[in-house]
Amino acid sequence: MIDRLLGRAELKERIEELEEEKRHLERRAEAEEERRSDAVADRQRAEERVNELEHRIESLEERLDRTAGEEASVEYRRVSDARGPRLADALGRFRAVESDDPEGLLTAFVPDDDAVPSSVAEWFGDRTRLVRRAAPAVVLADDTGAVSAALTPPIEPAPFDRWSDRFRLDESWFRPTGRFAFALLRSDTFALGVYEGAERVEFEGFTSDVKEAHSKGGFSQGRFERRREGQIADHLKKATASLADLADRGVGDGPAAPIDRTIVVGERSVLGEVRERADVTDVSDATGKPKAALDDAFRDFWTTRIRAI
């Protein structure tokens, strides 16, 4: 009662309120301090993680640089083209290699860079990338490492791989053998020869009047293109008829003797028109008069690229 009369009760209540507020602020301050401590700890952990990641990145970049350097340093020991007597000599040298071990020599045909046999990949290791770059290729290796090469054959065999005591190098993959037809087809030129080995025994050739590209626009341009396409179509019909005559040949010797296979090379844009008439097709940029162009195309086709791995 005296406290109320003197106003001390209100003061005590106020003091209690202030002390409660003080305790609340102290708790907030303590919580804030804990949060700051947690934040500092989180920041420290983040910095440690950043440092760790930076070290890993540096390590991976060093490995990448080393790998790039190694890849750049892995190159063919030698690359050369061989045809005719030079090719015959090179093939003869490879065929002369023999092994007392029935599985001492590896031969494989790799048709493309995604079809490397496990036997080739296991043997060549890091150099397998050179095999992929060479594909399609006949790959040769021996178990001493003395022979290591990739040969690009004009005629691609079916994929195979084998270890044996000799290399498998069929003559028909690399050189003209038997009796066969070889033709050059362009949109305005056709040349066809029948060969016995490397000797041409028959020839047929012609050119067609096909207009050059027209530079003007408008209706005349469309009319010109239609006329040009018609001229090319007529030219291809004549070429196809000549190739079809080959299939009608009989038996025996002489001009009507049958052929073993038909090879057609020429412009990529027109080869599709005669693919059904050919056993093998390939792109060729040989140009000129029919007979000379055919000779150039024949020589280029029967060229083998030899890569020493």
Protein backbone atom coordinates (compact mmCIF):
# COMPACT_ATOMS: atom_id res chain seq x y z
CA MET A 1 0.00 0.00 0.00
CA ILE A 2 2.83 2.35 0.87
CA ASP A 3 4.51 1.45 -2.48
CA ARG A 4 1.32 2.34 -4.30
CA LEU A 5 1.02 5.60 -2.37
CA LEU A 6 4.57 6.57 -3.13
CA GLY A 7 4.29 5.41 -6.79
CA ARG A 8 6.90 2.75 -6.30
CA ALA A 9 4.64 -0.04 -7.52
CA GLU A 10 4.50 1.45 -11.00
CA LEU A 11 8.25 1.87 -10.98
CA LYS A 12 8.77 -1.77 -10.00
CA GLU A 13 6.42 -2.88 -12.74
CA ARG A 14 8.31 -0.73 -15.19
CA ILE A 15 11.62 -2.15 -13.99
CA GLU A 16 10.31 -5.68 -14.44
CA GLU A 17 9.16 -4.81 -17.95
CA LEU A 18 12.53 -3.33 -18.80
CA GLU A 19 14.37 -6.33 -17.33
CA GLU A 20 12.19 -8.65 -19.39
CA GLU A 21 12.88 -6.59 -22.48
CA LYS A 22 16.56 -6.66 -21.59
CA ARG A 23 16.53 -10.45 -21.28
CA HIS A 24 14.71 -10.65 -24.63
CA LEU A 25 17.31 -8.42 -26.26
CA GLU A 26 20.08 -10.46 -24.70
CA ARG A 27 18.54 -13.63 -26.11
CA ARG A 28 18.26 -11.96 -29.52
CA ALA A 29 21.86 -10.81 -29.26
CA GLU A 30 22.97 -14.33 -28.35
CA ALA A 31 20.97 -15.79 -31.24
CA GLU A 32 22.38 -13.19 -33.59
CA GLU A 33 25.87 -14.05 -32.39
CA GLU A 34 25.20 -17.73 -33.03
CA ARG A 35 23.93 -16.90 -36.49
CA ARG A 36 27.01 -14.84 -37.17
CA SER A 37 29.15 -17.73 -35.98
CA ASP A 38 27.24 -20.12 -38.21
CA ALA A 39 27.59 -17.71 -41.09
CA VAL A 40 31.32 -17.44 -40.52
CA ALA A 41 31.57 -21.22 -40.38
CA ASP A 42 29.48 -21.58 -43.55
CA ARG A 43 31.64 -19.02 -45.29
CA GLN A 44 34.79 -20.83 -44.19
CA ARG A 45 33.42 -24.15 -45.43
CA ALA A 46 32.42 -22.54 -48.75
CA GLU A 47 35.88 -21.04 -49.14
CA GLU A 48 37.46 -24.40 -48.44
CA ARG A 49 35.18 -26.01 -51.05
CA VAL A 50 36.06 -23.29 -53.58
CA ASN A 51 39.76 -23.88 -52.96
CA GLU A 52 39.26 -27.62 -53.35
CA LEU A 53 37.39 -27.16 -56.63
CA GLU A 54 40.02 -24.75 -57.93
CA HIS A 55 42.72 -27.34 -57.24
CA ARG A 56 40.68 -30.02 -59.03
CA ILE A 57 40.09 -27.72 -62.02
CA GLU A 58 43.81 -26.93 -62.22
CA SER A 59 44.61 -30.64 -62.06
CA LEU A 60 42.09 -31.48 -64.79
CA GLU A 61 43.36 -28.64 -66.98
CA GLU A 62 46.90 -29.94 -66.60
CA ARG A 63 45.71 -33.43 -67.59
CA LEU A 64 43.83 -31.94 -70.56
CA ASP A 65 46.94 -30.07 -71.70
CA ARG A 66 49.01 -33.23 -71.40
CA THR A 67 46.42 -35.21 -73.35
CA ALA A 68 46.26 -32.55 -76.07
CA GLY A 69 50.03 -32.56 -76.26
CA GLU A 70 50.14 -36.32 -76.51
CA GLU A 71 47.43 -36.33 -79.19
CA ALA A 72 49.25 -33.69 -81.18
CA SER A 73 52.47 -35.68 -80.93
CA VAL A 74 50.88 -38.92 -82.22
CA GLU A 75 51.21 -38.72 -85.99
CA TYR A 76 51.83 -41.10 -88.84
CA ARG A 77 55.49 -41.91 -89.27
CA ARG A 78 55.08 -41.66 -93.03
CA VAL A 79 52.27 -41.23 -95.58
CA SER A 80 52.72 -42.11 -99.25
CA ASP A 81 50.64 -43.05 -102.31
CA ALA A 82 51.53 -46.08 -104.41
CA ARG A 83 50.21 -47.41 -107.70
CA GLY A 84 51.35 -49.75 -110.44
CA PRO A 85 54.82 -51.30 -109.96
CA ARG A 86 55.45 -49.29 -106.79
CA LEU A 87 52.30 -50.68 -105.19
CA ALA A 88 53.10 -54.22 -106.37
CA ASP A 89 56.52 -53.92 -104.70
CA ALA A 90 55.03 -52.62 -101.43
CA LEU A 91 52.43 -55.40 -101.29
CA GLY A 92 55.13 -57.95 -102.06
CA ARG A 93 57.17 -56.78 -99.08
CA PHE A 94 54.22 -57.09 -96.72
CA ARG A 95 53.35 -60.53 -98.07
CA ALA A 96 56.95 -61.65 -97.57
CA VAL A 97 56.62 -61.18 -93.80
CA GLU A 98 56.01 -64.52 -92.08
CA SER A 99 55.78 -65.59 -88.45
CA ASP A 100 56.66 -68.86 -86.79
CA ASP A 101 53.88 -68.05 -84.37
CA PRO A 102 50.53 -68.96 -85.98
CA GLU A 103 49.10 -65.82 -84.33
CA GLY A 104 52.00 -63.43 -84.79
CA LEU A 105 50.59 -61.16 -87.52
CA LEU A 106 47.40 -59.09 -87.32
CA THR A 107 45.36 -58.11 -90.36
CA ALA A 108 42.04 -56.26 -90.09
CA PHE A 109 39.79 -54.23 -92.32
CA VAL A 110 38.38 -51.20 -90.49
CA PRO A 111 35.47 -49.78 -92.55
CA ASP A 112 35.01 -46.56 -90.60
CA ASP A 113 36.15 -44.76 -87.45
CA ASP A 114 33.33 -46.24 -85.35
CA ALA A 115 34.08 -49.85 -86.26
CA VAL A 116 37.54 -50.54 -84.87
CA PRO A 117 37.79 -54.22 -83.79
CA SER A 118 38.83 -54.87 -80.20
CA SER A 119 41.92 -56.74 -81.43
CA VAL A 120 43.10 -53.58 -83.20
CA ALA A 121 42.24 -51.24 -80.30
CA GLU A 122 43.99 -53.48 -77.77
CA TRP A 123 47.15 -53.73 -79.85
CA PHE A 124 47.46 -50.10 -80.98
CA GLY A 125 46.36 -48.46 -77.71
CA ASP A 126 46.77 -44.67 -77.93
CA ARG A 127 47.63 -45.00 -81.63
CA THR A 128 44.14 -46.33 -82.34
CA ARG A 129 43.16 -42.75 -83.14
CA LEU A 130 45.46 -42.98 -86.17
CA VAL A 131 43.64 -46.13 -87.29
CA ARG A 132 40.33 -44.28 -87.02
CA ARG A 133 41.69 -41.41 -89.09
CA ALA A 134 42.91 -43.82 -91.76
CA ALA A 135 39.61 -45.73 -92.07
CA PRO A 136 38.51 -47.28 -94.31
CA ALA A 137 41.78 -49.18 -94.22
CA VAL A 138 43.43 -52.58 -94.08
CA VAL A 139 45.48 -52.50 -90.88
CA LEU A 140 48.67 -54.54 -90.47
CA ALA A 141 50.71 -55.21 -87.32
CA ASP A 142 53.05 -57.86 -85.99
CA ASP A 143 53.59 -58.87 -82.38
CA THR A 144 57.14 -57.45 -82.34
CA GLY A 145 56.00 -53.97 -83.39
CA ALA A 146 58.25 -54.03 -86.46
CA VAL A 147 55.30 -53.74 -88.89
CA SER A 148 52.57 -51.19 -88.22
CA ALA A 149 50.64 -49.75 -91.16
CA ALA A 150 47.24 -48.87 -92.61
CA LEU A 151 46.52 -49.29 -96.33
CA THR A 152 43.51 -47.68 -98.01
CA PRO A 153 42.30 -50.20 -100.62
CA PRO A 154 40.43 -49.13 -103.79
CA ILE A 155 38.08 -52.11 -103.32
CA GLU A 156 36.83 -52.49 -99.76
CA PRO A 157 36.51 -56.06 -98.44
CA ALA A 158 33.99 -57.13 -95.82
CA PRO A 159 35.14 -56.22 -92.28
CA PHE A 160 37.38 -58.83 -90.65
CA ASP A 161 40.22 -59.14 -88.17
CA ARG A 162 42.52 -62.04 -87.50
CA TRP A 163 45.88 -63.02 -86.06
CA SER A 164 47.74 -65.43 -88.33
CA ASP A 165 51.23 -66.35 -89.53
CA ARG A 166 50.80 -64.19 -92.67
CA PHE A 167 49.15 -60.92 -93.57
CA ARG A 168 45.95 -61.16 -95.60
CA LEU A 169 46.32 -58.90 -98.64
CA ASP A 170 44.13 -59.99 -101.53
CA GLU A 171 45.36 -58.68 -104.87
CA SER A 172 41.81 -57.82 -105.97
CA TRP A 173 41.49 -55.25 -103.17
CA PHE A 174 44.41 -53.18 -104.43
CA ARG A 175 45.10 -53.86 -108.11
CA PRO A 176 43.06 -54.42 -111.28
CA THR A 177 42.51 -58.14 -111.70
CA GLY A 178 40.32 -60.29 -113.95
CA ARG A 179 37.99 -58.89 -116.59
CA PHE A 180 35.98 -55.90 -115.41
CA ALA A 181 34.32 -52.68 -116.56
CA PHE A 182 35.47 -49.27 -115.38
CA ALA A 183 33.45 -46.15 -116.21
CA LEU A 184 33.65 -42.42 -115.60
CA LEU A 185 30.35 -40.57 -115.36
CA ARG A 186 29.89 -36.81 -115.28
CA SER A 187 26.81 -34.75 -116.06
CA ASP A 188 28.13 -34.12 -119.59
CA THR A 189 30.76 -36.86 -120.10
CA PHE A 190 30.70 -40.65 -120.14
CA ALA A 191 33.61 -43.01 -120.72
CA LEU A 192 33.56 -46.78 -120.37
CA GLY A 193 36.38 -49.25 -120.68
CA VAL A 194 36.56 -53.01 -120.37
CA TYR A 195 39.83 -54.16 -118.85
CA GLU A 196 41.75 -57.36 -118.49
CA GLY A 197 43.94 -56.59 -115.54
CA ALA A 198 45.45 -53.17 -116.17
CA GLU A 199 45.03 -53.39 -119.95
CA ARG A 200 42.01 -51.76 -121.59
CA VAL A 201 40.59 -53.97 -124.33
CA GLU A 202 37.40 -52.02 -125.15
CA PHE A 203 36.39 -48.37 -125.05
CA GLU A 204 33.23 -46.34 -125.47
CA GLY A 205 32.82 -42.67 -124.73
CA PHE A 206 30.75 -39.62 -125.53
CA THR A 207 29.95 -36.12 -124.38
CA SER A 208 26.58 -34.38 -124.30
CA ASP A 209 25.68 -30.75 -124.90
CA VAL A 210 24.69 -29.59 -121.42
CA LYS A 211 24.24 -25.87 -120.91
CA GLU A 212 26.41 -24.11 -118.37
CA ALA A 213 24.93 -22.41 -115.29
CA HIS A 214 22.65 -19.49 -116.14
CA SER A 215 23.29 -16.23 -114.27
CA LYS A 216 20.02 -14.41 -115.00
CA GLY A 217 16.99 -14.56 -112.77
CA GLY A 218 13.25 -14.59 -113.39
CA PHE A 219 11.26 -16.81 -115.72
CA SER A 220 14.20 -17.34 -118.09
CA GLN A 221 16.21 -18.79 -115.21
CA GLY A 222 13.55 -21.42 -114.44
CA ARG A 223 13.19 -22.30 -118.13
CA PHE A 224 16.96 -22.58 -118.49
CA GLU A 225 17.23 -24.88 -115.45
CA ARG A 226 14.48 -27.16 -116.77
CA ARG A 227 16.20 -27.36 -120.12
CA ARG A 228 19.56 -28.12 -118.50
CA GLU A 229 18.06 -30.80 -116.26
CA GLY A 230 16.47 -32.39 -119.32
CA GLN A 231 19.82 -32.46 -121.11
CA ILE A 232 21.49 -34.11 -118.12
CA ALA A 233 18.66 -36.66 -117.86
CA ASP A 234 19.10 -37.59 -121.54
CA HIS A 235 22.84 -37.94 -121.02
CA LEU A 236 22.33 -40.23 -118.01
CA LYS A 237 19.88 -42.39 -119.97
CA LYS A 238 22.50 -43.01 -122.65
CA ALA A 239 25.14 -43.80 -119.99
CA THR A 240 22.77 -46.17 -118.19
CA ALA A 241 21.98 -47.96 -121.43
CA SER A 242 25.68 -48.53 -122.06
CA LEU A 243 26.12 -49.97 -118.57
CA ALA A 244 23.02 -52.15 -119.03
CA ASP A 245 24.53 -53.68 -122.17
CA LEU A 246 27.32 -55.09 -120.02
CA ALA A 247 24.82 -57.28 -118.17
CA ASP A 248 23.62 -58.80 -121.47
CA ARG A 249 26.97 -60.26 -122.37
CA GLY A 250 27.20 -64.00 -122.99
CA VAL A 251 29.91 -66.46 -122.18
CA GLY A 252 33.29 -67.34 -123.63
CA ASP A 253 36.04 -65.09 -124.96
CA GLY A 254 36.00 -62.10 -127.24
CA PRO A 255 34.12 -58.77 -127.11
CA ALA A 256 30.97 -60.42 -125.76
CA ALA A 257 32.74 -62.14 -122.87
CA PRO A 258 31.16 -61.48 -119.45
CA ILE A 259 32.81 -59.24 -116.90
CA ASP A 260 33.54 -59.91 -113.23
CA ARG A 261 32.45 -56.55 -111.86
CA THR A 262 31.57 -52.98 -112.81
CA ILE A 263 33.20 -49.94 -111.23
CA VAL A 264 31.78 -46.45 -111.84
CA VAL A 265 33.42 -43.24 -110.65
CA GLY A 266 32.54 -39.61 -111.25
CA GLU A 267 30.46 -36.72 -109.97
CA ARG A 268 28.72 -37.37 -106.67
CA SER A 269 25.55 -35.68 -107.94
CA VAL A 270 25.00 -38.23 -110.74
CA LEU A 271 26.48 -41.45 -109.35
CA GLY A 272 23.20 -42.27 -107.63
CA GLU A 273 21.53 -42.63 -111.04
CA VAL A 274 23.68 -45.64 -111.98
CA ARG A 275 24.44 -47.18 -108.59
CA GLU A 276 22.20 -50.17 -109.34
CA ARG A 277 24.35 -50.93 -112.39
CA ALA A 278 27.65 -50.83 -110.46
CA ASP A 279 29.34 -53.10 -107.94
CA VAL A 280 31.57 -50.25 -106.75
CA THR A 281 31.13 -46.48 -106.97
CA ASP A 282 33.49 -43.70 -105.97
CA VAL A 283 33.83 -39.95 -106.44
CA SER A 284 36.31 -38.71 -109.05
CA ASP A 285 37.18 -35.21 -110.25
CA ALA A 286 38.73 -36.38 -113.54
CA THR A 287 37.78 -34.10 -116.42
CA GLY A 288 38.61 -33.62 -120.09
CA LYS A 289 37.91 -35.65 -123.19
CA PRO A 290 36.39 -39.07 -122.49
CA LYS A 291 39.42 -41.28 -123.15
CA ALA A 292 41.95 -39.06 -121.34
CA ALA A 293 39.56 -38.49 -118.44
CA LEU A 294 38.99 -42.24 -118.13
CA ASP A 295 42.75 -42.85 -117.97
CA ASP A 296 43.11 -40.24 -115.21
CA ALA A 297 40.19 -41.66 -113.24
CA PHE A 298 41.53 -45.23 -113.64
CA ARG A 299 44.97 -44.25 -112.37
CA ASP A 300 43.58 -42.32 -109.39
CA PHE A 301 41.17 -45.09 -108.43
CA TRP A 302 43.86 -47.80 -108.37
CA THR A 303 46.07 -45.80 -105.99
CA THR A 304 46.61 -46.99 -102.43
CA ARG A 305 47.54 -44.64 -99.61
CA ILE A 306 50.00 -46.26 -97.20
CA ARG A 307 50.26 -44.84 -93.68
CA ALA A 308 53.02 -46.00 -91.34
CA ILE A 309 51.55 -45.94 -87.82
